[in-house]
Amino acid sequence: MLVVSSTHRGRGVGRELVSRAVSAMAAAGAREAALEAEATNAAALRLYEGLGFLRDKRLARYYLNGADAFRLKLRLPPAREEEMEEGDEAMEEGGEREGGGGGGGKEEQQRLEEEAAEAVASLALAA
């Protein structure tokens, strides 16, 4: 489940989180990413479709509130062996590959992580 606090929307936090998740899946050898979004959530559908996801199927009454959803899919390119090995090494060391996911360096990565943490904290307080 991915939600960005309304106070942090429009800053690219959601796009960055999804991009990083997709990059990690591709590096791990996944061939496809799939997700569901509420059929009436135009902003989420724009985000996912802007990242290349395609609507695969409409799921009637998918959510507990009775709302329909769209299943969206993104085909991932096969990971090169070198990338998979680098990703494995980084995971073993407990770190991340620098520059992964299009973050733009350590400062940018730190800023996005802080914004994501703030968004999560805002959600927790709102709940």
N, C-alpha and C. Protein backbone atom coordinates (compact mmCIF):
# COMPACT_ATOMS: atom_id res chain seq x y z
N MET A 1 0.85 -1.17 0.00
CA MET A 1 0.00 0.00 0.00
C MET A 1 0.89 1.23 0.00
N LEU A 2 0.62 2.15 -0.88
CA LEU A 2 1.41 3.37 -0.97
C LEU A 2 0.48 4.55 -0.84
N VAL A 3 0.75 5.40 0.14
CA VAL A 3 -0.03 6.62 0.34
C VAL A 3 0.94 7.72 0.68
N VAL A 4 0.73 8.89 0.08
CA VAL A 4 1.52 10.06 0.42
C VAL A 4 0.57 11.05 1.08
N SER A 5 0.97 11.57 2.23
CA SER A 5 0.17 12.55 2.95
C SER A 5 -0.18 13.71 2.04
N SER A 6 -1.39 14.23 2.19
CA SER A 6 -1.84 15.32 1.33
C SER A 6 -0.91 16.54 1.43
N THR A 7 -0.27 16.73 2.56
CA THR A 7 0.64 17.86 2.72
C THR A 7 1.94 17.67 1.94
N HIS A 8 2.21 16.46 1.47
CA HIS A 8 3.45 16.19 0.73
C HIS A 8 3.20 15.81 -0.72
N ARG A 9 1.95 15.83 -1.15
CA ARG A 9 1.64 15.47 -2.53
C ARG A 9 2.11 16.56 -3.48
N GLY A 10 2.37 16.16 -4.71
CA GLY A 10 2.79 17.10 -5.73
C GLY A 10 4.27 17.41 -5.71
N ARG A 11 5.02 16.73 -4.87
CA ARG A 11 6.47 16.96 -4.77
C ARG A 11 7.28 15.82 -5.39
N GLY A 12 6.60 14.84 -5.94
CA GLY A 12 7.30 13.73 -6.57
C GLY A 12 7.67 12.60 -5.63
N VAL A 13 7.19 12.65 -4.38
CA VAL A 13 7.54 11.61 -3.40
C VAL A 13 6.97 10.27 -3.85
N GLY A 14 5.69 10.23 -4.21
CA GLY A 14 5.06 8.99 -4.65
C GLY A 14 5.73 8.43 -5.89
N ARG A 15 6.00 9.29 -6.85
CA ARG A 15 6.66 8.86 -8.09
C ARG A 15 8.02 8.26 -7.78
N GLU A 16 8.76 8.90 -6.88
CA GLU A 16 10.09 8.40 -6.53
C GLU A 16 10.00 7.05 -5.81
N LEU A 17 9.05 6.90 -4.91
CA LEU A 17 8.89 5.63 -4.19
C LEU A 17 8.54 4.50 -5.15
N VAL A 18 7.61 4.76 -6.06
CA VAL A 18 7.22 3.73 -7.03
C VAL A 18 8.40 3.42 -7.96
N SER A 19 9.10 4.44 -8.42
CA SER A 19 10.25 4.23 -9.32
C SER A 19 11.31 3.37 -8.65
N ARG A 20 11.59 3.68 -7.38
CA ARG A 20 12.60 2.90 -6.66
C ARG A 20 12.15 1.45 -6.46
N ALA A 21 10.88 1.25 -6.14
CA ALA A 21 10.37 -0.11 -5.96
C ALA A 21 10.48 -0.89 -7.27
N VAL A 22 10.09 -0.26 -8.37
CA VAL A 22 10.16 -0.93 -9.68
C VAL A 22 11.62 -1.23 -10.04
N SER A 23 12.52 -0.29 -9.79
CA SER A 23 13.95 -0.52 -10.07
C SER A 23 14.48 -1.69 -9.26
N ALA A 24 14.10 -1.75 -7.99
CA ALA A 24 14.55 -2.85 -7.14
C ALA A 24 14.01 -4.19 -7.63
N MET A 25 12.75 -4.20 -8.06
CA MET A 25 12.17 -5.44 -8.59
C MET A 25 12.90 -5.88 -9.85
N ALA A 26 13.17 -4.93 -10.75
CA ALA A 26 13.88 -5.26 -11.99
C ALA A 26 15.27 -5.79 -11.69
N ALA A 27 15.98 -5.14 -10.76
CA ALA A 27 17.33 -5.57 -10.40
C ALA A 27 17.33 -6.96 -9.78
N ALA A 28 16.22 -7.31 -9.12
CA ALA A 28 16.11 -8.63 -8.50
C ALA A 28 15.67 -9.70 -9.49
N GLY A 29 15.40 -9.28 -10.74
CA GLY A 29 15.06 -10.26 -11.77
C GLY A 29 13.58 -10.40 -12.05
N ALA A 30 12.74 -9.56 -11.45
CA ALA A 30 11.30 -9.63 -11.73
C ALA A 30 11.06 -9.26 -13.19
N ARG A 31 10.09 -9.90 -13.79
CA ARG A 31 9.75 -9.64 -15.19
C ARG A 31 8.56 -8.70 -15.34
N GLU A 32 7.79 -8.55 -14.23
CA GLU A 32 6.57 -7.76 -14.30
C GLU A 32 6.25 -7.21 -12.93
N ALA A 33 5.70 -6.00 -12.91
CA ALA A 33 5.19 -5.40 -11.68
C ALA A 33 3.68 -5.25 -11.87
N ALA A 34 2.93 -5.57 -10.84
CA ALA A 34 1.47 -5.44 -10.91
C ALA A 34 0.99 -4.76 -9.65
N LEU A 35 -0.07 -3.97 -9.79
CA LEU A 35 -0.66 -3.30 -8.64
C LEU A 35 -2.13 -3.03 -8.92
N GLU A 36 -2.84 -2.64 -7.88
CA GLU A 36 -4.23 -2.27 -8.02
C GLU A 36 -4.42 -0.85 -7.54
N ALA A 37 -5.30 -0.11 -8.20
CA ALA A 37 -5.64 1.25 -7.80
C ALA A 37 -7.15 1.41 -7.93
N GLU A 38 -7.72 2.16 -7.01
CA GLU A 38 -9.17 2.39 -7.05
C GLU A 38 -9.53 3.05 -8.38
N ALA A 39 -10.59 2.56 -8.99
CA ALA A 39 -10.98 3.01 -10.33
C ALA A 39 -11.29 4.51 -10.36
N THR A 40 -11.70 5.08 -9.25
CA THR A 40 -12.04 6.50 -9.20
C THR A 40 -10.86 7.38 -8.78
N ASN A 41 -9.70 6.78 -8.48
CA ASN A 41 -8.53 7.54 -8.03
C ASN A 41 -7.72 8.01 -9.24
N ALA A 42 -8.18 9.11 -9.82
CA ALA A 42 -7.56 9.62 -11.05
C ALA A 42 -6.10 9.97 -10.86
N ALA A 43 -5.75 10.54 -9.71
CA ALA A 43 -4.35 10.93 -9.46
C ALA A 43 -3.43 9.71 -9.44
N ALA A 44 -3.85 8.65 -8.76
CA ALA A 44 -3.03 7.43 -8.71
C ALA A 44 -2.91 6.80 -10.09
N LEU A 45 -4.01 6.76 -10.81
CA LEU A 45 -3.96 6.18 -12.16
C LEU A 45 -3.04 6.98 -13.07
N ARG A 46 -3.07 8.32 -12.97
CA ARG A 46 -2.15 9.15 -13.75
C ARG A 46 -0.70 8.87 -13.38
N LEU A 47 -0.44 8.75 -12.07
CA LEU A 47 0.92 8.46 -11.61
C LEU A 47 1.42 7.15 -12.20
N TYR A 48 0.66 6.08 -12.02
CA TYR A 48 1.10 4.77 -12.48
C TYR A 48 1.21 4.70 -14.00
N GLU A 49 0.21 5.26 -14.69
CA GLU A 49 0.27 5.22 -16.16
C GLU A 49 1.41 6.10 -16.68
N GLY A 50 1.73 7.17 -15.97
CA GLY A 50 2.87 8.01 -16.33
C GLY A 50 4.20 7.29 -16.19
N LEU A 51 4.22 6.26 -15.35
CA LEU A 51 5.43 5.45 -15.17
C LEU A 51 5.45 4.24 -16.10
N GLY A 52 4.43 4.13 -16.96
CA GLY A 52 4.42 3.06 -17.95
C GLY A 52 3.48 1.90 -17.64
N PHE A 53 2.80 1.92 -16.51
CA PHE A 53 1.85 0.86 -16.19
C PHE A 53 0.67 0.94 -17.15
N LEU A 54 0.13 -0.21 -17.52
CA LEU A 54 -1.04 -0.29 -18.38
C LEU A 54 -2.18 -0.97 -17.63
N ARG A 55 -3.39 -0.48 -17.87
CA ARG A 55 -4.57 -1.11 -17.25
C ARG A 55 -4.76 -2.49 -17.86
N ASP A 56 -4.84 -3.47 -16.99
CA ASP A 56 -4.97 -4.86 -17.43
C ASP A 56 -6.39 -5.36 -17.28
N LYS A 57 -7.03 -4.98 -16.18
CA LYS A 57 -8.32 -5.56 -15.87
C LYS A 57 -9.05 -4.68 -14.86
N ARG A 58 -10.37 -4.61 -14.98
CA ARG A 58 -11.18 -3.92 -13.97
C ARG A 58 -11.68 -4.98 -13.00
N LEU A 59 -11.51 -4.73 -11.72
CA LEU A 59 -11.88 -5.68 -10.68
C LEU A 59 -13.11 -5.13 -9.94
N ALA A 60 -14.26 -5.72 -10.19
CA ALA A 60 -15.51 -5.25 -9.60
C ALA A 60 -15.51 -5.48 -8.08
N ARG A 61 -15.92 -4.45 -7.33
CA ARG A 61 -16.07 -4.52 -5.88
C ARG A 61 -14.81 -5.09 -5.20
N TYR A 62 -13.66 -4.64 -5.64
CA TYR A 62 -12.38 -5.15 -5.16
C TYR A 62 -12.11 -4.76 -3.71
N TYR A 63 -12.44 -3.54 -3.36
CA TYR A 63 -12.13 -3.04 -2.02
C TYR A 63 -13.28 -3.30 -1.05
N LEU A 64 -12.98 -3.30 0.24
CA LEU A 64 -13.98 -3.57 1.27
C LEU A 64 -15.14 -2.57 1.22
N ASN A 65 -14.88 -1.35 0.75
CA ASN A 65 -15.94 -0.36 0.66
C ASN A 65 -16.82 -0.56 -0.58
N GLY A 66 -16.55 -1.61 -1.35
CA GLY A 66 -17.33 -1.93 -2.53
C GLY A 66 -16.85 -1.26 -3.81
N ALA A 67 -15.79 -0.47 -3.72
CA ALA A 67 -15.28 0.24 -4.90
C ALA A 67 -14.55 -0.71 -5.84
N ASP A 68 -14.64 -0.41 -7.13
CA ASP A 68 -13.91 -1.16 -8.15
C ASP A 68 -12.45 -0.72 -8.16
N ALA A 69 -11.62 -1.57 -8.73
CA ALA A 69 -10.20 -1.25 -8.89
C ALA A 69 -9.78 -1.61 -10.31
N PHE A 70 -8.68 -1.02 -10.72
CA PHE A 70 -8.00 -1.45 -11.93
C PHE A 70 -6.73 -2.16 -11.52
N ARG A 71 -6.45 -3.30 -12.16
CA ARG A 71 -5.14 -3.92 -12.02
C ARG A 71 -4.29 -3.34 -13.14
N LEU A 72 -3.13 -2.84 -12.75
CA LEU A 72 -2.20 -2.27 -13.72
C LEU A 72 -0.93 -3.10 -13.73
N LYS A 73 -0.34 -3.24 -14.91
CA LYS A 73 0.87 -4.05 -15.04
C LYS A 73 1.94 -3.28 -15.80
N LEU A 74 3.17 -3.58 -15.45
CA LEU A 74 4.33 -3.00 -16.11
C LEU A 74 5.31 -4.12 -16.40
N ARG A 75 5.62 -4.33 -17.66
CA ARG A 75 6.63 -5.33 -18.01
C ARG A 75 8.00 -4.72 -17.74
N LEU A 76 8.85 -5.50 -17.11
CA LEU A 76 10.18 -5.02 -16.75
C LEU A 76 11.21 -5.64 -17.68
N PRO A 77 12.22 -4.86 -18.04
CA PRO A 77 13.28 -5.43 -18.89
C PRO A 77 14.10 -6.42 -18.08
N PRO A 78 14.60 -7.44 -18.74
CA PRO A 78 15.45 -8.39 -18.01
C PRO A 78 16.67 -7.66 -17.45
N ALA A 79 16.97 -7.94 -16.20
CA ALA A 79 18.15 -7.33 -15.56
C ALA A 79 19.40 -7.94 -16.16
N ARG A 80 20.39 -7.09 -16.36
CA ARG A 80 21.69 -7.61 -16.81
C ARG A 80 22.33 -8.32 -15.65
N GLU A 81 23.11 -9.34 -15.94
CA GLU A 81 23.76 -10.12 -14.89
C GLU A 81 24.61 -9.27 -13.97
N GLU A 82 25.33 -8.30 -14.55
CA GLU A 82 26.19 -7.44 -13.73
C GLU A 82 25.37 -6.67 -12.70
N GLU A 83 24.21 -6.13 -13.12
CA GLU A 83 23.37 -5.36 -12.21
C GLU A 83 22.85 -6.25 -11.09
N MET A 84 22.47 -7.47 -11.44
CA MET A 84 21.97 -8.38 -10.42
C MET A 84 23.06 -8.69 -9.40
N GLU A 85 24.30 -8.91 -9.88
CA GLU A 85 25.40 -9.20 -8.97
C GLU A 85 25.71 -8.01 -8.08
N GLU A 86 25.70 -6.79 -8.65
CA GLU A 86 25.93 -5.58 -7.86
C GLU A 86 24.85 -5.43 -6.80
N GLY A 87 23.60 -5.68 -7.19
CA GLY A 87 22.49 -5.58 -6.24
C GLY A 87 22.62 -6.59 -5.12
N ASP A 88 23.06 -7.81 -5.45
CA ASP A 88 23.26 -8.84 -4.43
C ASP A 88 24.36 -8.42 -3.45
N GLU A 89 25.46 -7.87 -3.98
CA GLU A 89 26.56 -7.43 -3.12
C GLU A 89 26.10 -6.32 -2.18
N ALA A 90 25.34 -5.38 -2.71
CA ALA A 90 24.85 -4.27 -1.88
C ALA A 90 23.93 -4.79 -0.79
N MET A 91 23.09 -5.75 -1.12
CA MET A 91 22.17 -6.31 -0.12
C MET A 91 22.95 -7.04 0.97
N GLU A 92 23.99 -7.78 0.58
CA GLU A 92 24.80 -8.51 1.55
C GLU A 92 25.51 -7.56 2.50
N GLU A 93 25.93 -6.40 1.98
CA GLU A 93 26.62 -5.42 2.80
C GLU A 93 25.64 -4.58 3.62
N GLY A 94 24.34 -4.74 3.35
CA GLY A 94 23.34 -3.97 4.08
C GLY A 94 23.20 -2.56 3.59
N GLY A 95 23.74 -2.26 2.43
CA GLY A 95 23.68 -0.90 1.88
C GLY A 95 22.86 -0.87 0.62
N GLU A 96 22.92 0.30 -0.04
CA GLU A 96 22.24 0.48 -1.30
C GLU A 96 23.26 0.89 -2.33
N ARG A 97 22.95 0.58 -3.59
CA ARG A 97 23.81 1.05 -4.67
C ARG A 97 23.60 2.54 -4.83
N GLU A 98 24.69 3.27 -4.94
CA GLU A 98 24.59 4.72 -5.12
C GLU A 98 24.04 5.01 -6.50
N GLY A 99 23.13 5.99 -6.54
CA GLY A 99 22.57 6.41 -7.81
C GLY A 99 21.45 5.53 -8.30
N GLY A 100 21.04 4.50 -7.58
CA GLY A 100 19.95 3.64 -8.01
C GLY A 100 18.62 4.36 -7.95
N GLY A 101 17.73 4.02 -8.88
CA GLY A 101 16.38 4.57 -8.85
C GLY A 101 16.27 6.00 -9.32
N GLY A 102 17.30 6.56 -9.90
CA GLY A 102 17.22 7.91 -10.44
C GLY A 102 17.18 8.99 -9.39
N GLY A 103 17.71 8.72 -8.19
CA GLY A 103 17.61 9.66 -7.09
C GLY A 103 18.46 10.90 -7.23
N GLY A 104 19.61 10.83 -7.88
CA GLY A 104 20.41 12.01 -8.10
C GLY A 104 21.42 12.26 -7.01
N GLY A 105 21.98 11.25 -6.39
CA GLY A 105 23.03 11.46 -5.40
C GLY A 105 22.53 11.28 -3.98
N LYS A 106 23.51 11.25 -3.06
CA LYS A 106 23.20 10.98 -1.66
C LYS A 106 22.35 12.07 -1.03
N GLU A 107 22.63 13.33 -1.35
CA GLU A 107 21.86 14.42 -0.75
C GLU A 107 20.39 14.34 -1.17
N GLU A 108 20.17 14.11 -2.44
CA GLU A 108 18.81 13.99 -2.97
C GLU A 108 18.11 12.78 -2.35
N GLN A 109 18.83 11.67 -2.24
CA GLN A 109 18.27 10.47 -1.64
C GLN A 109 17.89 10.73 -0.19
N GLN A 110 18.75 11.39 0.55
CA GLN A 110 18.48 11.71 1.96
C GLN A 110 17.26 12.61 2.08
N ARG A 111 17.16 13.62 1.20
CA ARG A 111 16.03 14.55 1.24
C ARG A 111 14.73 13.81 0.97
N LEU A 112 14.72 12.93 -0.03
CA LEU A 112 13.51 12.17 -0.35
C LEU A 112 13.13 11.23 0.78
N GLU A 113 14.13 10.60 1.40
CA GLU A 113 13.84 9.70 2.52
C GLU A 113 13.25 10.48 3.69
N GLU A 114 13.76 11.69 3.94
CA GLU A 114 13.22 12.51 5.01
C GLU A 114 11.79 12.94 4.70
N GLU A 115 11.52 13.32 3.45
CA GLU A 115 10.16 13.70 3.07
C GLU A 115 9.21 12.51 3.19
N ALA A 116 9.69 11.33 2.79
CA ALA A 116 8.85 10.14 2.90
C ALA A 116 8.55 9.84 4.36
N ALA A 117 9.56 9.98 5.23
CA ALA A 117 9.36 9.74 6.67
C ALA A 117 8.36 10.75 7.23
N GLU A 118 8.47 12.00 6.81
CA GLU A 118 7.52 13.02 7.27
C GLU A 118 6.12 12.69 6.81
N ALA A 119 5.99 12.22 5.57
CA ALA A 119 4.68 11.87 5.05
C ALA A 119 4.07 10.71 5.83
N VAL A 120 4.88 9.72 6.15
CA VAL A 120 4.40 8.58 6.94
C VAL A 120 3.98 9.04 8.34
N ALA A 121 4.80 9.92 8.95
CA ALA A 121 4.47 10.42 10.27
C ALA A 121 3.17 11.22 10.24
N SER A 122 2.97 12.00 9.19
CA SER A 122 1.74 12.77 9.05
C SER A 122 0.54 11.84 8.95
N LEU A 123 0.71 10.75 8.22
CA LEU A 123 -0.38 9.78 8.08
C LEU A 123 -0.71 9.13 9.42
N ALA A 124 0.35 8.78 10.16
CA ALA A 124 0.14 8.15 11.46
C ALA A 124 -0.60 9.09 12.40
N LEU A 125 -0.25 10.36 12.38
CA LEU A 125 -0.91 11.34 13.24
C LEU A 125 -2.37 11.55 12.82
N ALA A 126 -2.62 11.53 11.51
CA ALA A 126 -3.97 11.73 11.00
C ALA A 126 -4.88 10.56 11.33
N ALA A 127 -4.30 9.36 11.43
CA ALA A 127 -5.09 8.16 11.72
C ALA A 127 -5.42 8.15 13.18
